[in-house]
Amino acid sequence: MTPSKRFCIFCGNTPTNKNKEHVLPQWLISLTGDPKRVVNFGMNHNTGKIPRFDWSSFVFPSCRLCNEKYSELENQAKSLILRLIVHNSLSARDYILLLDWLDKVRIGLWLGYSYLHNNPTKIPPKFHINSRIGQKDRMIAVYTIDTALKGLNTFGAETLGFQLQPSCFLLKINNICLLNMSWDFMCAARCGFPFPKTTFINNDALLECSDYKINHKVKHPVIRRRLIKPAVHLYQPIIQAPLTIDNFPNDVLLRNKLIIGSTTKGFI
């Protein structure tokens, strides 16, 4: 883990009052078995070697204040995961909080594996955890497994494809699997939210969008990619920056699809 410049995985700056972030939190590691159990962490495409060490050592640089800012989110997420593994139901508000936590974990894994594998794509990250939570359309699918065995696994996050586009991963926690996907305008068009008719990648490898349109119709399936049928699957469209509801002042239909108090986040 020796990149040319160490950065906080939350804010992207040089860490102040240095701390270490468990991308997969300690409560989750303890919930799923021995924290000292040794696991594989994908292949380093620069060296051809497979890093192998214990879960509790899977930590990366952070600012102390950045790390502490997410303690409440971790406490709330822990409560929700404990309810899911005993097959208790969650409310829509609970799932939105869980989607925030999955944003944190997904982007943390992306940056963590970039650190661990010495940035195999050689592309400097354009965003970090702080700037990504609740910013893009997202979804969650919950699958149950008939097992009494404990275990923690991530699927997809260790791959080279995930390094190029950290948009989809699966997290196995004991007897449940959480599939999480998120990318630009993933479900906006089919959820009646603004989406661009014109897009292109600029010279800084960033997506530029124009000529926005709203269909005002919810279409099923929300995304056309076929999924193995989950116990629960929910989608949340988000008006993507730099736009907010203020860019559509007379659109009552769109305004009614937003969570109370939010100018960007839709119902799930």
C-alpha atoms as a PDB file:
ATOM      1  CA  MET A   1       0.000   0.000   0.000  1.00  0.00           C
ATOM      2  CA  THR A   2       2.489   2.599  -1.223  1.00  0.00           C
ATOM      3  CA  PRO A   3       0.823   4.981  -3.721  1.00  0.00           C
ATOM      4  CA  SER A   4       2.757   8.089  -4.747  1.00  0.00           C
ATOM      5  CA  LYS A   5       0.477  10.267  -2.605  1.00  0.00           C
ATOM      6  CA  ARG A   6      -1.391   9.096   0.479  1.00  0.00           C
ATOM      7  CA  PHE A   7      -4.893  10.516   0.752  1.00  0.00           C
ATOM      8  CA  CYS A   8      -7.878  10.265   3.061  1.00  0.00           C
ATOM      9  CA  ILE A   9     -10.427   7.918   1.488  1.00  0.00           C
ATOM     10  CA  PHE A  10     -13.221  10.166   2.787  1.00  0.00           C
ATOM     11  CA  CYS A  11     -12.161  13.626   1.573  1.00  0.00           C
ATOM     12  CA  GLY A  12      -9.221  12.912  -0.767  1.00  0.00           C
ATOM     13  CA  ASN A  13      -6.870  15.300   1.023  1.00  0.00           C
ATOM     14  CA  THR A  14      -3.645  14.468   2.810  1.00  0.00           C
ATOM     15  CA  PRO A  15      -4.828  12.881   6.092  1.00  0.00           C
ATOM     16  CA  THR A  16      -4.798  15.162   9.153  1.00  0.00           C
ATOM     17  CA  ASN A  17      -4.506  13.688  12.644  1.00  0.00           C
ATOM     18  CA  LYS A  18      -3.973  10.411  10.838  1.00  0.00           C
ATOM     19  CA  ASN A  19      -6.413   7.618  11.426  1.00  0.00           C
ATOM     20  CA  LYS A  20      -7.198   4.300   9.772  1.00  0.00           C
ATOM     21  CA  GLU A  21     -10.565   3.402   8.320  1.00  0.00           C
ATOM     22  CA  HIS A  22     -11.888  -0.146   8.257  1.00  0.00           C
ATOM     23  CA  VAL A  23     -13.650  -0.102   4.890  1.00  0.00           C
ATOM     24  CA  LEU A  24     -15.589  -3.109   6.119  1.00  0.00           C
ATOM     25  CA  PRO A  25     -16.267  -1.957   9.695  1.00  0.00           C
ATOM     26  CA  GLN A  26     -15.045  -3.824  12.747  1.00  0.00           C
ATOM     27  CA  TRP A  27     -18.598  -4.550  13.944  1.00  0.00           C
ATOM     28  CA  LEU A  28     -19.302  -6.294  10.626  1.00  0.00           C
ATOM     29  CA  ILE A  29     -16.086  -8.320  10.752  1.00  0.00           C
ATOM     30  CA  SER A  30     -16.843  -9.453  14.326  1.00  0.00           C
ATOM     31  CA  LEU A  31     -20.461 -10.259  13.422  1.00  0.00           C
ATOM     32  CA  THR A  32     -19.339 -12.662  10.700  1.00  0.00           C
ATOM     33  CA  GLY A  33     -16.581 -14.658  12.405  1.00  0.00           C
ATOM     34  CA  ASP A  34     -13.055 -14.410  13.772  1.00  0.00           C
ATOM     35  CA  PRO A  35     -11.662 -10.890  13.075  1.00  0.00           C
ATOM     36  CA  LYS A  36      -8.214 -12.463  12.608  1.00  0.00           C
ATOM     37  CA  ARG A  37      -9.301 -14.896   9.878  1.00  0.00           C
ATOM     38  CA  VAL A  38      -7.102 -14.684   6.796  1.00  0.00           C
ATOM     39  CA  VAL A  39      -8.685 -14.075   3.369  1.00  0.00           C
ATOM     40  CA  ASN A  40      -7.609 -13.331  -0.213  1.00  0.00           C
ATOM     41  CA  PHE A  41      -7.920  -9.780  -1.563  1.00  0.00           C
ATOM     42  CA  GLY A  42      -7.982 -10.235  -5.329  1.00  0.00           C
ATOM     43  CA  MET A  43      -5.044 -10.149  -7.709  1.00  0.00           C
ATOM     44  CA  ASN A  44      -2.615  -7.256  -7.915  1.00  0.00           C
ATOM     45  CA  HIS A  45      -2.416  -6.829 -11.694  1.00  0.00           C
ATOM     46  CA  ASN A  46       0.868  -4.951 -11.357  1.00  0.00           C
ATOM     47  CA  THR A  47       2.636  -7.842  -9.630  1.00  0.00           C
ATOM     48  CA  GLY A  48       0.469 -10.878 -10.403  1.00  0.00           C
ATOM     49  CA  LYS A  49       0.347 -11.656  -6.673  1.00  0.00           C
ATOM     50  CA  ILE A  50      -2.736 -12.162  -4.479  1.00  0.00           C
ATOM     51  CA  PRO A  51      -2.588 -10.221  -1.187  1.00  0.00           C
ATOM     52  CA  ARG A  52      -3.609 -12.438   1.730  1.00  0.00           C
ATOM     53  CA  PHE A  53      -4.070 -11.220   5.311  1.00  0.00           C
ATOM     54  CA  ASP A  54      -6.748 -10.906   7.996  1.00  0.00           C
ATOM     55  CA  TRP A  55      -9.920  -8.810   7.712  1.00  0.00           C
ATOM     56  CA  SER A  56      -8.983  -6.611  10.656  1.00  0.00           C
ATOM     57  CA  SER A  57      -5.892  -5.390   8.745  1.00  0.00           C
ATOM     58  CA  PHE A  58      -7.943  -4.235   5.742  1.00  0.00           C
ATOM     59  CA  VAL A  59      -7.568  -0.559   6.686  1.00  0.00           C
ATOM     60  CA  PHE A  60      -6.697   2.606   4.774  1.00  0.00           C
ATOM     61  CA  PRO A  61      -5.708   6.217   5.553  1.00  0.00           C
ATOM     62  CA  SER A  62      -8.257   8.742   6.753  1.00  0.00           C
ATOM     63  CA  CYS A  63      -8.513  11.991   8.645  1.00  0.00           C
ATOM     64  CA  ARG A  64      -9.592  11.476  12.238  1.00  0.00           C
ATOM     65  CA  LEU A  65     -12.518  13.901  11.912  1.00  0.00           C
ATOM     66  CA  CYS A  66     -13.638  12.377   8.603  1.00  0.00           C
ATOM     67  CA  ASN A  67     -13.632   8.935  10.192  1.00  0.00           C
ATOM     68  CA  GLU A  68     -15.549  10.050  13.277  1.00  0.00           C
ATOM     69  CA  LYS A  69     -18.202  11.803  11.162  1.00  0.00           C
ATOM     70  CA  TYR A  70     -19.564   8.446  10.026  1.00  0.00           C
ATOM     71  CA  SER A  71     -19.853   6.785  13.438  1.00  0.00           C
ATOM     72  CA  GLU A  72     -23.614   7.406  13.655  1.00  0.00           C
ATOM     73  CA  LEU A  73     -24.197   6.018  10.151  1.00  0.00           C
ATOM     74  CA  GLU A  74     -22.268   2.884  11.150  1.00  0.00           C
ATOM     75  CA  ASN A  75     -24.346   2.466  14.315  1.00  0.00           C
ATOM     76  CA  GLN A  76     -27.585   2.793  12.366  1.00  0.00           C
ATOM     77  CA  ALA A  77     -26.394   0.440   9.611  1.00  0.00           C
ATOM     78  CA  LYS A  78     -25.408  -2.167  12.195  1.00  0.00           C
ATOM     79  CA  SER A  79     -28.916  -2.096  13.653  1.00  0.00           C
ATOM     80  CA  LEU A  80     -30.455  -2.580  10.196  1.00  0.00           C
ATOM     81  CA  ILE A  81     -28.134  -5.440   9.245  1.00  0.00           C
ATOM     82  CA  LEU A  82     -28.908  -7.224  12.516  1.00  0.00           C
ATOM     83  CA  ARG A  83     -32.603  -6.966  11.680  1.00  0.00           C
ATOM     84  CA  LEU A  84     -32.120  -8.251   8.145  1.00  0.00           C
ATOM     85  CA  ILE A  85     -30.179 -11.358   9.172  1.00  0.00           C
ATOM     86  CA  VAL A  86     -33.104 -12.426  11.404  1.00  0.00           C
ATOM     87  CA  HIS A  87     -35.490 -11.687   8.506  1.00  0.00           C
ATOM     88  CA  ASN A  88     -37.186  -8.662  10.051  1.00  0.00           C
ATOM     89  CA  SER A  89     -38.669  -6.099   7.671  1.00  0.00           C
ATOM     90  CA  LEU A  90     -37.312  -2.580   7.153  1.00  0.00           C
ATOM     91  CA  SER A  91     -39.096   0.641   6.251  1.00  0.00           C
ATOM     92  CA  ALA A  92     -38.395   2.711   3.135  1.00  0.00           C
ATOM     93  CA  ARG A  93     -36.537   5.218   5.329  1.00  0.00           C
ATOM     94  CA  ASP A  94     -34.395   2.366   6.689  1.00  0.00           C
ATOM     95  CA  TYR A  95     -33.454   1.275   3.183  1.00  0.00           C
ATOM     96  CA  ILE A  96     -32.445   4.811   2.211  1.00  0.00           C
ATOM     97  CA  LEU A  97     -30.082   4.861   5.196  1.00  0.00           C
ATOM     98  CA  LEU A  98     -28.771   1.437   4.172  1.00  0.00           C
ATOM     99  CA  LEU A  99     -28.170   2.768   0.645  1.00  0.00           C
ATOM    100  CA  ASP A 100     -26.088   5.604   2.158  1.00  0.00           C
ATOM    101  CA  TRP A 101     -24.024   3.012   4.024  1.00  0.00           C
ATOM    102  CA  LEU A 102     -23.600   0.902   0.883  1.00  0.00           C
ATOM    103  CA  ASP A 103     -22.416   4.010  -1.005  1.00  0.00           C
ATOM    104  CA  LYS A 104     -19.799   4.439   1.721  1.00  0.00           C
ATOM    105  CA  VAL A 105     -18.730   0.794   1.600  1.00  0.00           C
ATOM    106  CA  ARG A 106     -18.703   0.570  -2.219  1.00  0.00           C
ATOM    107  CA  ILE A 107     -16.561   3.665  -2.732  1.00  0.00           C
ATOM    108  CA  GLY A 108     -14.378   2.720   0.240  1.00  0.00           C
ATOM    109  CA  LEU A 109     -13.723  -0.687  -1.338  1.00  0.00           C
ATOM    110  CA  TRP A 110     -12.911   0.938  -4.670  1.00  0.00           C
ATOM    111  CA  LEU A 111     -10.358   3.301  -3.107  1.00  0.00           C
ATOM    112  CA  GLY A 112      -9.076   0.609  -0.737  1.00  0.00           C
ATOM    113  CA  TYR A 113      -8.372  -1.855  -3.538  1.00  0.00           C
ATOM    114  CA  SER A 114      -6.733   0.940  -5.539  1.00  0.00           C
ATOM    115  CA  TYR A 115      -4.389   1.472  -2.583  1.00  0.00           C
ATOM    116  CA  LEU A 116      -3.839  -2.237  -2.070  1.00  0.00           C
ATOM    117  CA  HIS A 117      -3.171  -3.020  -5.738  1.00  0.00           C
ATOM    118  CA  ASN A 118      -1.096   0.124  -6.398  1.00  0.00           C
ATOM    119  CA  ASN A 119      -3.724   1.746  -8.643  1.00  0.00           C
ATOM    120  CA  PRO A 120      -3.699  -0.801 -11.490  1.00  0.00           C
ATOM    121  CA  THR A 121      -5.544   1.544 -13.913  1.00  0.00           C
ATOM    122  CA  LYS A 122      -3.144   4.475 -13.202  1.00  0.00           C
ATOM    123  CA  ILE A 123      -6.194   6.761 -13.154  1.00  0.00           C
ATOM    124  CA  PRO A 124      -6.247   9.232 -10.227  1.00  0.00           C
ATOM    125  CA  PRO A 125      -9.632   9.092  -8.427  1.00  0.00           C
ATOM    126  CA  LYS A 126     -11.937  12.008  -9.211  1.00  0.00           C
ATOM    127  CA  PHE A 127     -14.156  11.462  -6.148  1.00  0.00           C
ATOM    128  CA  HIS A 128     -14.063   9.999  -2.643  1.00  0.00           C
ATOM    129  CA  ILE A 129     -16.577   8.818  -0.047  1.00  0.00           C
ATOM    130  CA  ASN A 130     -17.673  12.289   1.138  1.00  0.00           C
ATOM    131  CA  SER A 131     -18.571  13.479  -2.355  1.00  0.00           C
ATOM    132  CA  ARG A 132     -20.372  10.321  -3.498  1.00  0.00           C
ATOM    133  CA  ILE A 133     -22.950   9.378  -0.858  1.00  0.00           C
ATOM    134  CA  GLY A 134     -26.477   9.926  -2.160  1.00  0.00           C
ATOM    135  CA  GLN A 135     -25.339  11.627  -5.370  1.00  0.00           C
ATOM    136  CA  LYS A 136     -26.245   9.056  -8.059  1.00  0.00           C
ATOM    137  CA  ASP A 137     -29.215   6.810  -8.810  1.00  0.00           C
ATOM    138  CA  ARG A 138     -28.872   3.637  -6.757  1.00  0.00           C
ATOM    139  CA  MET A 139     -30.502   0.343  -5.881  1.00  0.00           C
ATOM    140  CA  ILE A 140     -30.385  -2.502  -3.402  1.00  0.00           C
ATOM    141  CA  ALA A 141     -31.486  -6.108  -3.775  1.00  0.00           C
ATOM    142  CA  VAL A 142     -31.626  -8.381  -0.724  1.00  0.00           C
ATOM    143  CA  TYR A 143     -31.181 -12.142  -1.083  1.00  0.00           C
ATOM    144  CA  THR A 144     -31.540 -14.680   1.717  1.00  0.00           C
ATOM    145  CA  ILE A 145     -29.427 -17.833   2.036  1.00  0.00           C
ATOM    146  CA  ASP A 146     -30.435 -20.992   3.826  1.00  0.00           C
ATOM    147  CA  THR A 147     -27.368 -21.368   6.042  1.00  0.00           C
ATOM    148  CA  ALA A 148     -26.395 -21.121   9.697  1.00  0.00           C
ATOM    149  CA  LEU A 149     -22.736 -20.545   8.865  1.00  0.00           C
ATOM    150  CA  LYS A 150     -21.158 -17.169   9.491  1.00  0.00           C
ATOM    151  CA  GLY A 151     -19.150 -15.456   6.802  1.00  0.00           C
ATOM    152  CA  LEU A 152     -18.265 -12.181   5.107  1.00  0.00           C
ATOM    153  CA  ASN A 153     -17.473 -11.875   1.404  1.00  0.00           C
ATOM    154  CA  THR A 154     -17.422  -9.164  -1.223  1.00  0.00           C
ATOM    155  CA  PHE A 155     -17.917 -10.035  -4.876  1.00  0.00           C
ATOM    156  CA  GLY A 156     -16.849  -7.814  -7.762  1.00  0.00           C
ATOM    157  CA  ALA A 157     -15.014  -5.141  -5.753  1.00  0.00           C
ATOM    158  CA  GLU A 158     -11.614  -6.842  -6.175  1.00  0.00           C
ATOM    159  CA  THR A 159     -11.783  -6.898  -9.997  1.00  0.00           C
ATOM    160  CA  LEU A 160     -10.079  -4.701 -12.559  1.00  0.00           C
ATOM    161  CA  GLY A 161     -13.499  -3.830 -14.014  1.00  0.00           C
ATOM    162  CA  PHE A 162     -14.574  -2.412 -10.640  1.00  0.00           C
ATOM    163  CA  GLN A 163     -11.432  -0.251 -10.611  1.00  0.00           C
ATOM    164  CA  LEU A 164     -12.538   1.239 -13.927  1.00  0.00           C
ATOM    165  CA  GLN A 165     -16.188   1.664 -12.867  1.00  0.00           C
ATOM    166  CA  PRO A 166     -17.127   1.132  -9.199  1.00  0.00           C
ATOM    167  CA  SER A 167     -20.812   0.749  -9.947  1.00  0.00           C
ATOM    168  CA  CYS A 168     -21.830  -2.748  -8.794  1.00  0.00           C
ATOM    169  CA  PHE A 169     -20.843  -5.167  -6.028  1.00  0.00           C
ATOM    170  CA  LEU A 170     -22.347  -7.811  -3.796  1.00  0.00           C
ATOM    171  CA  LEU A 171     -21.837  -8.108  -0.048  1.00  0.00           C
ATOM    172  CA  LYS A 172     -22.494 -11.430   1.693  1.00  0.00           C
ATOM    173  CA  ILE A 173     -23.153 -11.156   5.439  1.00  0.00           C
ATOM    174  CA  ASN A 174     -23.843 -14.499   7.121  1.00  0.00           C
ATOM    175  CA  ASN A 175     -27.219 -15.571   5.679  1.00  0.00           C
ATOM    176  CA  ILE A 176     -27.979 -12.552   3.465  1.00  0.00           C
ATOM    177  CA  CYS A 177     -26.515 -11.056   0.296  1.00  0.00           C
ATOM    178  CA  LEU A 178     -26.849  -7.363  -0.575  1.00  0.00           C
ATOM    179  CA  LEU A 179     -26.526  -6.431  -4.240  1.00  0.00           C
ATOM    180  CA  ASN A 180     -25.799  -2.730  -4.698  1.00  0.00           C
ATOM    181  CA  MET A 181     -25.630  -0.789  -7.958  1.00  0.00           C
ATOM    182  CA  SER A 182     -25.203   2.919  -8.613  1.00  0.00           C
ATOM    183  CA  TRP A 183     -24.186   4.996 -11.619  1.00  0.00           C
ATOM    184  CA  ASP A 184     -25.117   8.137 -13.544  1.00  0.00           C
ATOM    185  CA  PHE A 185     -28.843   8.154 -14.432  1.00  0.00           C
ATOM    186  CA  MET A 186     -29.138   4.418 -13.766  1.00  0.00           C
ATOM    187  CA  CYS A 187     -32.915   4.521 -13.317  1.00  0.00           C
ATOM    188  CA  ALA A 188     -33.828   8.204 -13.812  1.00  0.00           C
ATOM    189  CA  ALA A 189     -35.580   7.882 -17.161  1.00  0.00           C
ATOM    190  CA  ARG A 190     -37.763   4.941 -16.081  1.00  0.00           C
ATOM    191  CA  CYS A 191     -38.598   6.563 -12.720  1.00  0.00           C
ATOM    192  CA  GLY A 192     -39.828   9.853 -14.184  1.00  0.00           C
ATOM    193  CA  PHE A 193     -36.722  11.845 -13.222  1.00  0.00           C
ATOM    194  CA  PRO A 194     -34.551  14.173 -15.352  1.00  0.00           C
ATOM    195  CA  PHE A 195     -32.099  12.441 -17.688  1.00  0.00           C
ATOM    196  CA  PRO A 196     -29.836  13.854 -20.406  1.00  0.00           C
ATOM    197  CA  LYS A 197     -30.462  13.188 -24.090  1.00  0.00           C
ATOM    198  CA  THR A 198     -26.884  14.219 -24.864  1.00  0.00           C
ATOM    199  CA  THR A 199     -23.819  12.908 -23.010  1.00  0.00           C
ATOM    200  CA  PHE A 200     -20.097  12.740 -23.718  1.00  0.00           C
ATOM    201  CA  ILE A 201     -16.823  12.157 -21.875  1.00  0.00           C
ATOM    202  CA  ASN A 202     -14.677  15.306 -21.747  1.00  0.00           C
ATOM    203  CA  ASN A 203     -10.889  15.608 -21.798  1.00  0.00           C
ATOM    204  CA  ASP A 204     -10.769  15.159 -18.013  1.00  0.00           C
ATOM    205  CA  ALA A 205     -12.573  11.795 -18.341  1.00  0.00           C
ATOM    206  CA  LEU A 206     -15.708  13.283 -16.755  1.00  0.00           C
ATOM    207  CA  LEU A 207     -19.276  12.853 -17.974  1.00  0.00           C
ATOM    208  CA  GLU A 208     -20.869  15.990 -19.408  1.00  0.00           C
ATOM    209  CA  CYS A 209     -24.633  16.110 -19.933  1.00  0.00           C
ATOM    210  CA  SER A 210     -27.120  18.427 -21.631  1.00  0.00           C
ATOM    211  CA  ASP A 211     -30.630  18.603 -23.100  1.00  0.00           C
ATOM    212  CA  TYR A 212     -32.474  17.128 -20.108  1.00  0.00           C
ATOM    213  CA  LYS A 213     -35.855  15.448 -20.482  1.00  0.00           C
ATOM    214  CA  ILE A 214     -38.499  14.095 -18.060  1.00  0.00           C
ATOM    215  CA  ASN A 215     -40.996  11.409 -19.077  1.00  0.00           C
ATOM    216  CA  HIS A 216     -43.046  11.572 -15.844  1.00  0.00           C
ATOM    217  CA  LYS A 217     -43.775   7.854 -16.102  1.00  0.00           C
ATOM    218  CA  VAL A 218     -42.570   4.975 -13.974  1.00  0.00           C
ATOM    219  CA  LYS A 219     -41.791   1.948 -16.116  1.00  0.00           C
ATOM    220  CA  HIS A 220     -41.264  -1.646 -15.037  1.00  0.00           C
ATOM    221  CA  PRO A 221     -38.842  -3.241 -14.853  1.00  0.00           C
ATOM    222  CA  VAL A 222     -37.035  -0.158 -13.581  1.00  0.00           C
ATOM    223  CA  ILE A 223     -33.805  -1.390 -15.154  1.00  0.00           C
ATOM    224  CA  ARG A 224     -33.831  -3.827 -18.049  1.00  0.00           C
ATOM    225  CA  ARG A 225     -30.955  -5.942 -16.743  1.00  0.00           C
ATOM    226  CA  ARG A 226     -32.450  -9.202 -15.554  1.00  0.00           C
ATOM    227  CA  LEU A 227     -31.796 -10.085 -11.903  1.00  0.00           C
ATOM    228  CA  ILE A 228     -32.192 -13.349 -10.057  1.00  0.00           C
ATOM    229  CA  LYS A 229     -35.385 -12.697  -8.115  1.00  0.00           C
ATOM    230  CA  PRO A 230     -34.492 -11.192  -4.714  1.00  0.00           C
ATOM    231  CA  ALA A 231     -36.518 -11.065  -1.507  1.00  0.00           C
ATOM    232  CA  VAL A 232     -36.506  -7.258  -1.764  1.00  0.00           C
ATOM    233  CA  HIS A 233     -35.306  -4.888  -4.463  1.00  0.00           C
ATOM    234  CA  LEU A 234     -35.659  -1.115  -4.335  1.00  0.00           C
ATOM    235  CA  TYR A 235     -34.509   1.743  -6.573  1.00  0.00           C
ATOM    236  CA  GLN A 236     -33.897   5.382  -5.684  1.00  0.00           C
ATOM    237  CA  PRO A 237     -33.668   7.979  -8.473  1.00  0.00           C
ATOM    238  CA  ILE A 238     -31.729  11.135  -7.657  1.00  0.00           C
ATOM    239  CA  ILE A 239     -31.693  14.467  -9.493  1.00  0.00           C
ATOM    240  CA  GLN A 240     -28.036  14.618 -10.355  1.00  0.00           C
ATOM    241  CA  ALA A 241     -25.768  17.608  -9.689  1.00  0.00           C
ATOM    242  CA  PRO A 242     -25.536  20.348 -10.742  1.00  0.00           C
ATOM    243  CA  LEU A 243     -29.333  20.159 -11.069  1.00  0.00           C
ATOM    244  CA  THR A 244     -31.862  20.289  -8.207  1.00  0.00           C
ATOM    245  CA  ILE A 245     -35.634  20.601  -8.108  1.00  0.00           C
ATOM    246  CA  ASP A 246     -35.112  24.385  -8.392  1.00  0.00           C
ATOM    247  CA  ASN A 247     -34.231  23.847 -12.067  1.00  0.00           C
ATOM    248  CA  PHE A 248     -37.813  22.593 -12.564  1.00  0.00           C
ATOM    249  CA  PRO A 249     -39.847  25.144 -10.547  1.00  0.00           C
ATOM    250  CA  ASN A 250     -43.206  24.398 -12.190  1.00  0.00           C
ATOM    251  CA  ASP A 251     -42.924  20.612 -12.313  1.00  0.00           C
ATOM    252  CA  VAL A 252     -45.367  19.537  -9.614  1.00  0.00           C
ATOM    253  CA  LEU A 253     -45.243  15.875 -10.649  1.00  0.00           C
ATOM    254  CA  LEU A 254     -41.482  15.731 -10.141  1.00  0.00           C
ATOM    255  CA  ARG A 255     -41.651  17.649  -6.863  1.00  0.00           C
ATOM    256  CA  ASN A 256     -44.181  15.145  -5.508  1.00  0.00           C
ATOM    257  CA  LYS A 257     -41.722  12.307  -6.132  1.00  0.00           C
ATOM    258  CA  LEU A 258     -39.095  13.785  -3.798  1.00  0.00           C
ATOM    259  CA  ILE A 259     -38.509  12.902  -0.169  1.00  0.00           C
ATOM    260  CA  ILE A 260     -39.815  15.664   2.077  1.00  0.00           C
ATOM    261  CA  GLY A 261     -37.020  18.140   2.752  1.00  0.00           C
ATOM    262  CA  SER A 262     -34.827  17.033  -0.156  1.00  0.00           C
ATOM    263  CA  THR A 263     -34.267  18.875  -3.429  1.00  0.00           C
ATOM    264  CA  THR A 264     -32.716  15.871  -5.196  1.00  0.00           C
ATOM    265  CA  LYS A 265     -33.629  12.483  -3.664  1.00  0.00           C
ATOM    266  CA  GLY A 266     -36.646  10.522  -4.814  1.00  0.00           C
ATOM    267  CA  PHE A 267     -38.788   7.970  -3.026  1.00  0.00           C
ATOM    268  CA  ILE A 268     -37.836   4.320  -3.294  1.00  0.00           C
END
